[in-house]
Amino acid sequence: MNKNEVWIEAGSKLRNIRKKKGLSVFQVRDELGVPLSYIIKLERGKVMPSEAIIVSLAMLYEIDRKQIYDMYQLIESNRAEEIASLSPYLRQIANDRSISKLATQEYFDEVLDELKEIAEKYRI
């Protein structure tokens, strides 16, 4: 799924959540303090919400903000930093001969494939 498809699907999900909560776009606009056009673009998948808007929407819709991050295939900035900080450790593990002897090439290939999937999904 490309970025535009992800945004469109996420916007549609946000619209459905808003409607289930019985909120109008005007109420969401007022609660978030953003222009009405922004809410409309968000629900049509034309824009992606900032981290602050994600947090505000999660509070307003009474849902876990992780749910919104997942809709957009994003990770929270603190999680991105945490994942990025693993890079030196992964290199150390890959270069550590004693660890390398314990694991098979198949195991390392599996781990590498999983890391590539994470990086691709979250565009790291």
N, C-alpha and C. Protein backbone atom coordinates (compact mmCIF):
# COMPACT_ATOMS: atom_id res chain seq x y z
N MET A 1 0.85 -1.17 0.00
CA MET A 1 0.00 0.00 0.00
C MET A 1 0.90 1.24 0.00
N ASN A 2 0.66 2.16 -0.93
CA ASN A 2 1.49 3.37 -0.96
C ASN A 2 0.99 4.42 0.03
N LYS A 3 1.76 5.49 0.17
CA LYS A 3 1.46 6.53 1.16
C LYS A 3 0.05 7.10 0.98
N ASN A 4 -0.33 7.40 -0.26
CA ASN A 4 -1.66 7.99 -0.50
C ASN A 4 -2.78 7.05 -0.08
N GLU A 5 -2.62 5.77 -0.37
CA GLU A 5 -3.64 4.79 0.02
C GLU A 5 -3.73 4.68 1.54
N VAL A 6 -2.59 4.71 2.19
CA VAL A 6 -2.57 4.64 3.66
C VAL A 6 -3.31 5.85 4.24
N TRP A 7 -3.00 7.04 3.72
CA TRP A 7 -3.64 8.26 4.23
C TRP A 7 -5.14 8.23 4.00
N ILE A 8 -5.57 7.78 2.82
CA ILE A 8 -7.00 7.73 2.49
C ILE A 8 -7.72 6.76 3.42
N GLU A 9 -7.13 5.59 3.60
CA GLU A 9 -7.74 4.59 4.48
C GLU A 9 -7.78 5.09 5.93
N ALA A 10 -6.69 5.71 6.38
CA ALA A 10 -6.64 6.24 7.76
C ALA A 10 -7.68 7.34 7.94
N GLY A 11 -7.78 8.23 6.96
CA GLY A 11 -8.76 9.32 7.04
C GLY A 11 -10.18 8.79 7.12
N SER A 12 -10.46 7.76 6.35
CA SER A 12 -11.78 7.13 6.37
C SER A 12 -12.07 6.53 7.74
N LYS A 13 -11.06 5.88 8.33
CA LYS A 13 -11.22 5.31 9.67
C LYS A 13 -11.47 6.40 10.71
N LEU A 14 -10.73 7.51 10.58
CA LEU A 14 -10.94 8.62 11.52
C LEU A 14 -12.35 9.18 11.39
N ARG A 15 -12.82 9.30 10.15
CA ARG A 15 -14.19 9.80 9.91
C ARG A 15 -15.20 8.87 10.58
N ASN A 16 -15.01 7.56 10.42
CA ASN A 16 -15.93 6.60 11.02
C ASN A 16 -15.92 6.67 12.54
N ILE A 17 -14.74 6.84 13.12
CA ILE A 17 -14.63 6.97 14.58
C ILE A 17 -15.36 8.23 15.03
N ARG A 18 -15.12 9.34 14.31
CA ARG A 18 -15.78 10.61 14.66
C ARG A 18 -17.30 10.44 14.65
N LYS A 19 -17.79 9.82 13.58
CA LYS A 19 -19.25 9.64 13.45
C LYS A 19 -19.80 8.74 14.54
N LYS A 20 -19.07 7.67 14.88
CA LYS A 20 -19.52 6.77 15.95
C LYS A 20 -19.57 7.50 17.28
N LYS A 21 -18.69 8.48 17.45
CA LYS A 21 -18.69 9.28 18.69
C LYS A 21 -19.78 10.35 18.66
N GLY A 22 -20.43 10.50 17.51
CA GLY A 22 -21.50 11.49 17.39
C GLY A 22 -20.99 12.92 17.29
N LEU A 23 -19.78 13.08 16.79
CA LEU A 23 -19.18 14.41 16.68
C LEU A 23 -19.26 14.92 15.23
N SER A 24 -19.48 16.20 15.10
CA SER A 24 -19.45 16.83 13.77
C SER A 24 -18.03 17.30 13.48
N VAL A 25 -17.76 17.59 12.22
CA VAL A 25 -16.44 18.13 11.87
C VAL A 25 -16.24 19.48 12.54
N PHE A 26 -17.34 20.21 12.77
CA PHE A 26 -17.25 21.51 13.43
C PHE A 26 -16.82 21.35 14.89
N GLN A 27 -17.35 20.32 15.55
CA GLN A 27 -16.96 20.07 16.94
C GLN A 27 -15.48 19.66 17.02
N VAL A 28 -15.05 18.84 16.09
CA VAL A 28 -13.64 18.41 16.07
C VAL A 28 -12.76 19.63 15.82
N ARG A 29 -13.16 20.46 14.87
CA ARG A 29 -12.41 21.69 14.59
C ARG A 29 -12.26 22.53 15.85
N ASP A 30 -13.38 22.73 16.55
CA ASP A 30 -13.36 23.56 17.75
C ASP A 30 -12.50 22.94 18.86
N GLU A 31 -12.59 21.63 19.02
CA GLU A 31 -11.82 20.95 20.07
C GLU A 31 -10.31 20.98 19.78
N LEU A 32 -9.96 20.81 18.50
CA LEU A 32 -8.53 20.76 18.15
C LEU A 32 -7.95 22.15 17.88
N GLY A 33 -8.83 23.11 17.60
CA GLY A 33 -8.34 24.46 17.32
C GLY A 33 -7.63 24.56 15.98
N VAL A 34 -8.14 23.83 15.01
CA VAL A 34 -7.56 23.85 13.65
C VAL A 34 -8.64 24.26 12.67
N PRO A 35 -8.26 24.70 11.47
CA PRO A 35 -9.27 25.08 10.47
C PRO A 35 -10.14 23.88 10.05
N LEU A 36 -11.36 24.17 9.71
CA LEU A 36 -12.29 23.14 9.23
C LEU A 36 -11.71 22.43 8.01
N SER A 37 -11.07 23.20 7.14
CA SER A 37 -10.49 22.61 5.92
C SER A 37 -9.46 21.53 6.26
N TYR A 38 -8.75 21.71 7.37
CA TYR A 38 -7.76 20.72 7.79
C TYR A 38 -8.45 19.40 8.16
N ILE A 39 -9.54 19.48 8.92
CA ILE A 39 -10.27 18.27 9.33
C ILE A 39 -10.80 17.56 8.09
N ILE A 40 -11.32 18.32 7.15
CA ILE A 40 -11.85 17.73 5.91
C ILE A 40 -10.73 17.05 5.12
N LYS A 41 -9.59 17.73 4.99
CA LYS A 41 -8.45 17.13 4.28
C LYS A 41 -7.94 15.89 5.00
N LEU A 42 -7.93 15.93 6.31
CA LEU A 42 -7.47 14.80 7.11
C LEU A 42 -8.36 13.58 6.85
N GLU A 43 -9.66 13.78 6.89
CA GLU A 43 -10.59 12.67 6.70
C GLU A 43 -10.65 12.19 5.25
N ARG A 44 -10.22 13.01 4.32
CA ARG A 44 -10.17 12.60 2.91
C ARG A 44 -8.81 12.02 2.53
N GLY A 45 -7.88 12.01 3.48
CA GLY A 45 -6.57 11.43 3.22
C GLY A 45 -5.65 12.33 2.44
N LYS A 46 -5.87 13.63 2.51
CA LYS A 46 -5.01 14.58 1.79
C LYS A 46 -3.84 15.05 2.62
N VAL A 47 -3.95 14.93 3.94
CA VAL A 47 -2.87 15.32 4.84
C VAL A 47 -2.71 14.25 5.92
N MET A 48 -1.55 14.25 6.54
CA MET A 48 -1.29 13.35 7.66
C MET A 48 -1.19 14.21 8.91
N PRO A 49 -1.80 13.76 10.01
CA PRO A 49 -1.76 14.57 11.23
C PRO A 49 -0.37 14.61 11.85
N SER A 50 -0.07 15.73 12.48
CA SER A 50 1.18 15.84 13.25
C SER A 50 1.03 15.01 14.52
N GLU A 51 2.12 14.86 15.22
CA GLU A 51 2.08 14.10 16.46
C GLU A 51 1.14 14.77 17.48
N ALA A 52 1.14 16.09 17.52
CA ALA A 52 0.25 16.81 18.45
C ALA A 52 -1.21 16.57 18.11
N ILE A 53 -1.53 16.55 16.82
CA ILE A 53 -2.92 16.31 16.40
C ILE A 53 -3.31 14.87 16.68
N ILE A 54 -2.39 13.94 16.49
CA ILE A 54 -2.67 12.53 16.80
C ILE A 54 -3.04 12.39 18.27
N VAL A 55 -2.26 13.02 19.12
CA VAL A 55 -2.52 12.94 20.57
C VAL A 55 -3.87 13.57 20.88
N SER A 56 -4.16 14.72 20.29
CA SER A 56 -5.44 15.41 20.53
C SER A 56 -6.62 14.59 20.02
N LEU A 57 -6.48 14.00 18.84
CA LEU A 57 -7.56 13.17 18.30
C LEU A 57 -7.80 11.95 19.18
N ALA A 58 -6.73 11.33 19.63
CA ALA A 58 -6.88 10.16 20.49
C ALA A 58 -7.63 10.51 21.77
N MET A 59 -7.31 11.65 22.34
CA MET A 59 -8.00 12.09 23.56
C MET A 59 -9.46 12.40 23.25
N LEU A 60 -9.70 13.12 22.17
CA LEU A 60 -11.07 13.50 21.80
C LEU A 60 -11.92 12.27 21.48
N TYR A 61 -11.36 11.33 20.74
CA TYR A 61 -12.10 10.14 20.33
C TYR A 61 -12.05 9.03 21.37
N GLU A 62 -11.31 9.27 22.45
CA GLU A 62 -11.17 8.31 23.54
C GLU A 62 -10.66 6.97 23.04
N ILE A 63 -9.57 7.03 22.27
CA ILE A 63 -8.93 5.82 21.78
C ILE A 63 -7.44 5.91 22.09
N ASP A 64 -6.77 4.79 22.02
CA ASP A 64 -5.32 4.75 22.24
C ASP A 64 -4.65 5.41 21.03
N ARG A 65 -3.74 6.33 21.28
CA ARG A 65 -3.10 7.02 20.16
C ARG A 65 -2.30 6.07 19.28
N LYS A 66 -1.88 4.94 19.83
CA LYS A 66 -1.18 3.94 19.03
C LYS A 66 -2.07 3.48 17.88
N GLN A 67 -3.36 3.45 18.11
CA GLN A 67 -4.30 3.06 17.05
C GLN A 67 -4.20 4.02 15.86
N ILE A 68 -4.06 5.30 16.13
CA ILE A 68 -3.93 6.28 15.05
C ILE A 68 -2.56 6.16 14.39
N TYR A 69 -1.51 5.98 15.19
CA TYR A 69 -0.18 5.76 14.61
C TYR A 69 -0.21 4.56 13.67
N ASP A 70 -0.85 3.50 14.11
CA ASP A 70 -0.93 2.29 13.28
C ASP A 70 -1.70 2.55 11.99
N MET A 71 -2.75 3.35 12.06
CA MET A 71 -3.53 3.68 10.85
C MET A 71 -2.64 4.30 9.77
N TYR A 72 -1.72 5.14 10.22
CA TYR A 72 -0.83 5.85 9.30
C TYR A 72 0.50 5.12 9.10
N GLN A 73 0.61 3.93 9.68
CA GLN A 73 1.85 3.14 9.63
C GLN A 73 3.03 3.97 10.13
N LEU A 74 2.81 4.60 11.26
CA LEU A 74 3.83 5.44 11.90
C LEU A 74 4.19 4.87 13.26
N ILE A 75 5.29 5.33 13.77
CA ILE A 75 5.62 5.04 15.16
C ILE A 75 5.84 6.38 15.85
N GLU A 76 5.58 6.41 17.14
CA GLU A 76 5.78 7.64 17.89
C GLU A 76 7.25 8.02 17.86
N SER A 77 7.52 9.32 17.92
CA SER A 77 8.90 9.79 17.80
C SER A 77 9.82 9.16 18.84
N ASN A 78 9.33 8.96 20.05
CA ASN A 78 10.19 8.35 21.07
C ASN A 78 10.49 6.90 20.71
N ARG A 79 9.57 6.20 20.07
CA ARG A 79 9.81 4.83 19.62
C ARG A 79 10.80 4.82 18.45
N ALA A 80 10.68 5.79 17.55
CA ALA A 80 11.60 5.87 16.41
C ALA A 80 13.02 6.08 16.90
N GLU A 81 13.18 6.95 17.88
CA GLU A 81 14.51 7.19 18.45
C GLU A 81 15.05 5.92 19.11
N GLU A 82 14.16 5.21 19.78
CA GLU A 82 14.55 3.97 20.46
C GLU A 82 15.02 2.94 19.43
N ILE A 83 14.28 2.79 18.34
CA ILE A 83 14.64 1.83 17.30
C ILE A 83 15.96 2.24 16.65
N ALA A 84 16.08 3.54 16.33
CA ALA A 84 17.31 4.02 15.70
C ALA A 84 18.52 3.80 16.61
N SER A 85 18.30 3.92 17.91
CA SER A 85 19.42 3.75 18.85
C SER A 85 19.90 2.30 18.93
N LEU A 86 19.12 1.38 18.41
CA LEU A 86 19.53 -0.03 18.43
C LEU A 86 20.61 -0.35 17.41
N SER A 87 20.77 0.51 16.42
CA SER A 87 21.70 0.24 15.32
C SER A 87 23.09 -0.17 15.79
N PRO A 88 23.74 0.57 16.69
CA PRO A 88 25.09 0.16 17.13
C PRO A 88 25.08 -1.21 17.81
N TYR A 89 24.03 -1.51 18.55
CA TYR A 89 23.95 -2.79 19.24
C TYR A 89 23.79 -3.93 18.24
N LEU A 90 22.98 -3.68 17.20
CA LEU A 90 22.80 -4.70 16.17
C LEU A 90 24.11 -4.98 15.45
N ARG A 91 24.87 -3.92 15.17
CA ARG A 91 26.18 -4.11 14.54
C ARG A 91 27.11 -4.91 15.45
N GLN A 92 27.09 -4.56 16.73
CA GLN A 92 27.95 -5.26 17.69
C GLN A 92 27.58 -6.74 17.75
N ILE A 93 26.28 -7.03 17.79
CA ILE A 93 25.83 -8.42 17.83
C ILE A 93 26.27 -9.16 16.56
N ALA A 94 26.09 -8.50 15.42
CA ALA A 94 26.46 -9.13 14.15
C ALA A 94 27.95 -9.41 14.07
N ASN A 95 28.76 -8.56 14.70
CA ASN A 95 30.21 -8.72 14.64
C ASN A 95 30.79 -9.57 15.77
N ASP A 96 29.97 -9.85 16.76
CA ASP A 96 30.44 -10.62 17.91
C ASP A 96 30.54 -12.10 17.53
N ARG A 97 31.75 -12.59 17.45
CA ARG A 97 32.00 -13.97 17.00
C ARG A 97 31.37 -15.00 17.95
N SER A 98 31.39 -14.73 19.26
CA SER A 98 30.86 -15.73 20.19
C SER A 98 29.34 -15.87 20.00
N ILE A 99 28.66 -14.76 19.75
CA ILE A 99 27.23 -14.83 19.50
C ILE A 99 26.99 -15.47 18.14
N SER A 100 27.80 -15.09 17.17
CA SER A 100 27.64 -15.62 15.82
C SER A 100 27.75 -17.13 15.79
N LYS A 101 28.59 -17.69 16.64
CA LYS A 101 28.77 -19.14 16.66
C LYS A 101 27.53 -19.84 17.21
N LEU A 102 26.79 -19.16 18.06
CA LEU A 102 25.61 -19.77 18.67
C LEU A 102 24.41 -19.80 17.72
N ALA A 103 24.38 -18.91 16.77
CA ALA A 103 23.23 -18.81 15.88
C ALA A 103 23.61 -19.25 14.47
N THR A 104 22.65 -19.80 13.80
CA THR A 104 22.88 -20.25 12.42
C THR A 104 22.69 -19.08 11.46
N GLN A 105 23.14 -19.26 10.25
CA GLN A 105 22.94 -18.24 9.21
C GLN A 105 21.45 -18.04 8.97
N GLU A 106 20.70 -19.12 9.05
CA GLU A 106 19.25 -19.05 8.86
C GLU A 106 18.61 -18.12 9.90
N TYR A 107 19.09 -18.24 11.14
CA TYR A 107 18.58 -17.38 12.23
C TYR A 107 18.87 -15.91 11.92
N PHE A 108 20.10 -15.61 11.53
CA PHE A 108 20.46 -14.22 11.22
C PHE A 108 19.66 -13.70 10.03
N ASP A 109 19.44 -14.55 9.04
CA ASP A 109 18.63 -14.15 7.88
C ASP A 109 17.21 -13.81 8.29
N GLU A 110 16.65 -14.61 9.21
CA GLU A 110 15.30 -14.36 9.73
C GLU A 110 15.23 -13.01 10.44
N VAL A 111 16.19 -12.78 11.33
CA VAL A 111 16.23 -11.53 12.09
C VAL A 111 16.38 -10.35 11.14
N LEU A 112 17.28 -10.47 10.17
CA LEU A 112 17.49 -9.41 9.20
C LEU A 112 16.22 -9.13 8.40
N ASP A 113 15.53 -10.16 7.99
CA ASP A 113 14.27 -9.99 7.25
C ASP A 113 13.24 -9.24 8.10
N GLU A 114 13.14 -9.61 9.38
CA GLU A 114 12.20 -8.93 10.27
C GLU A 114 12.57 -7.45 10.44
N LEU A 115 13.86 -7.18 10.61
CA LEU A 115 14.31 -5.79 10.74
C LEU A 115 14.02 -4.99 9.47
N LYS A 116 14.22 -5.60 8.32
CA LYS A 116 13.93 -4.93 7.05
C LYS A 116 12.44 -4.60 6.93
N GLU A 117 11.58 -5.53 7.37
CA GLU A 117 10.14 -5.30 7.34
C GLU A 117 9.77 -4.12 8.22
N ILE A 118 10.35 -4.07 9.41
CA ILE A 118 10.08 -2.96 10.33
C ILE A 118 10.54 -1.65 9.71
N ALA A 119 11.75 -1.64 9.17
CA ALA A 119 12.29 -0.43 8.57
C ALA A 119 11.45 0.03 7.39
N GLU A 120 11.00 -0.91 6.57
CA GLU A 120 10.17 -0.55 5.42
C GLU A 120 8.81 -0.03 5.86
N LYS A 121 8.19 -0.73 6.82
CA LYS A 121 6.87 -0.33 7.29
C LYS A 121 6.89 1.07 7.89
N TYR A 122 7.92 1.34 8.68
CA TYR A 122 7.99 2.62 9.37
C TYR A 122 8.92 3.60 8.70
N ARG A 123 9.39 3.26 7.51
CA ARG A 123 10.24 4.14 6.69
C ARG A 123 11.42 4.68 7.47
N ILE A 124 12.13 3.79 8.15
CA ILE A 124 13.29 4.19 8.96
C ILE A 124 14.52 4.22 8.08
